[in-house]
Amino acid sequence: MEHNSFLYDVDRFSEIFSSDDRAEKLVRFIAFWLIAHILGTDLVMAEQIACIKAGMPPQQAFERAKEQKLDPVMVKMMLDAIMNLWIDSNARCTRLENKCSELEKN
């Protein structure tokens, strides 16, 4: 459900934002969504799956996963990786927008 909502939001970006700042806002949205999703939903789900594989009933695994604390070292590593992705994606989007502008002029 979250992935479908994400795809819907990305698809609507061209309707919401002008072309002047669309690429930067889209890259920023994707980066922040990834951070929240990976550090939230994905980590909780991974904990639930690990507990179920270890023999815990699904409901108990769900309750335990909700109490999971984030490892600060892992959070920093993930944030660094995602921010590097954002920086690279932002630069690529800027180059793409510049190339599109050049092509429109010709």
Protein backbone atom coordinates (compact mmCIF):
# COMPACT_ATOMS: atom_id res chain seq x y z
CA MET A 1 0.00 0.00 0.00
CA GLU A 2 2.82 2.41 0.87
CA HIS A 3 4.63 1.63 -2.38
CA ASN A 4 1.46 2.25 -4.40
CA SER A 5 0.92 5.55 -2.60
CA PHE A 6 4.52 6.51 -3.34
CA LEU A 7 4.09 5.74 -7.06
CA TYR A 8 0.86 7.76 -7.13
CA ASP A 9 2.60 10.75 -5.50
CA VAL A 10 5.55 10.59 -7.90
CA ASP A 11 3.18 10.32 -10.87
CA ARG A 12 1.32 13.46 -9.75
CA PHE A 13 4.50 15.53 -9.34
CA SER A 14 4.28 16.99 -12.84
CA GLU A 15 0.78 18.27 -12.07
CA ILE A 16 1.75 19.82 -8.73
CA PHE A 17 5.06 21.56 -9.37
CA SER A 18 6.26 23.81 -12.16
CA SER A 19 9.09 22.56 -14.34
CA ASP A 20 11.43 25.15 -12.79
CA ASP A 21 11.84 23.27 -9.53
CA ARG A 22 10.16 19.92 -10.22
CA ALA A 23 13.31 17.79 -10.51
CA GLU A 24 14.86 19.04 -7.29
CA LYS A 25 11.62 18.65 -5.35
CA LEU A 26 11.08 15.17 -6.79
CA VAL A 27 14.57 14.02 -5.82
CA ARG A 28 14.15 15.51 -2.35
CA PHE A 29 10.74 13.81 -1.95
CA ILE A 30 12.15 10.45 -3.04
CA ALA A 31 15.15 10.74 -0.70
CA PHE A 32 13.03 11.64 2.32
CA TRP A 33 10.45 8.98 1.49
CA LEU A 34 13.17 6.35 1.26
CA ILE A 35 14.63 7.39 4.60
CA ALA A 36 11.27 7.25 6.36
CA HIS A 37 10.20 4.03 4.64
CA ILE A 38 13.44 2.12 5.16
CA LEU A 39 13.93 3.25 8.74
CA GLY A 40 10.26 2.76 9.55
CA THR A 41 8.19 0.22 7.67
CA ASP A 42 11.03 -1.92 6.29
CA LEU A 43 12.88 -2.28 9.60
CA VAL A 44 9.70 -3.18 11.46
CA MET A 45 8.78 -5.73 8.79
CA ALA A 46 12.29 -7.23 8.82
CA GLU A 47 12.08 -7.65 12.60
CA GLN A 48 8.66 -9.30 12.29
CA ILE A 49 9.90 -11.74 9.66
CA ALA A 50 12.96 -12.63 11.74
CA CYS A 51 10.78 -13.29 14.79
CA ILE A 52 8.32 -15.42 12.81
CA LYS A 53 11.18 -17.44 11.28
CA ALA A 54 12.45 -18.02 14.82
CA GLY A 55 9.07 -19.54 15.70
CA MET A 56 7.23 -16.59 17.25
CA PRO A 57 3.50 -16.26 16.46
CA PRO A 58 2.80 -13.42 13.98
CA GLN A 59 0.81 -11.29 16.44
CA GLN A 60 3.55 -11.51 19.06
CA ALA A 61 6.17 -10.71 16.38
CA PHE A 62 4.13 -7.66 15.37
CA GLU A 63 3.96 -6.39 18.95
CA ARG A 64 7.67 -6.97 19.52
CA ALA A 65 8.65 -5.23 16.27
CA LYS A 66 6.70 -2.11 17.25
CA GLU A 67 9.01 -1.76 20.26
CA GLN A 68 12.19 -2.04 18.18
CA LYS A 69 14.77 0.69 18.75
CA LEU A 70 16.88 2.04 15.90
CA ASP A 71 20.64 1.45 15.97
CA PRO A 72 22.20 4.94 15.66
CA VAL A 73 25.20 3.64 13.69
CA MET A 74 22.95 1.94 11.16
CA VAL A 75 20.74 5.02 10.90
CA LYS A 76 23.76 7.22 10.17
CA MET A 77 25.05 4.80 7.53
CA MET A 78 21.66 4.67 5.83
CA LEU A 79 21.21 8.45 5.97
CA ASP A 80 24.68 8.98 4.51
CA ALA A 81 23.96 6.52 1.70
CA ILE A 82 20.59 8.09 0.91
CA MET A 83 21.97 11.63 1.04
CA ASN A 84 24.74 10.62 -1.37
CA LEU A 85 22.06 9.17 -3.62
CA TRP A 86 20.13 12.43 -3.34
CA ILE A 87 23.17 14.55 -4.20
CA ASP A 88 23.99 12.39 -7.22
CA SER A 89 20.36 12.25 -8.37
CA ASN A 90 19.99 15.99 -7.99
CA ALA A 91 23.05 16.59 -10.15
CA ARG A 92 21.76 14.16 -12.79
CA CYS A 93 18.33 15.79 -12.81
CA THR A 94 19.89 19.21 -13.23
CA ARG A 95 21.96 17.98 -16.18
CA LEU A 96 18.87 16.36 -17.70
CA GLU A 97 16.81 19.54 -17.31
CA ASN A 98 19.61 21.59 -18.91
CA LYS A 99 19.83 19.15 -21.83
CA CYS A 100 16.04 19.27 -22.30
CA SER A 101 16.13 23.06 -22.30
CA GLU A 102 18.89 23.01 -24.93
CA LEU A 103 16.89 20.62 -27.11
CA GLU A 104 13.75 22.76 -26.80
CA LYS A 105 15.68 25.82 -27.98
CA ASN A 106 16.91 24.00 -31.08
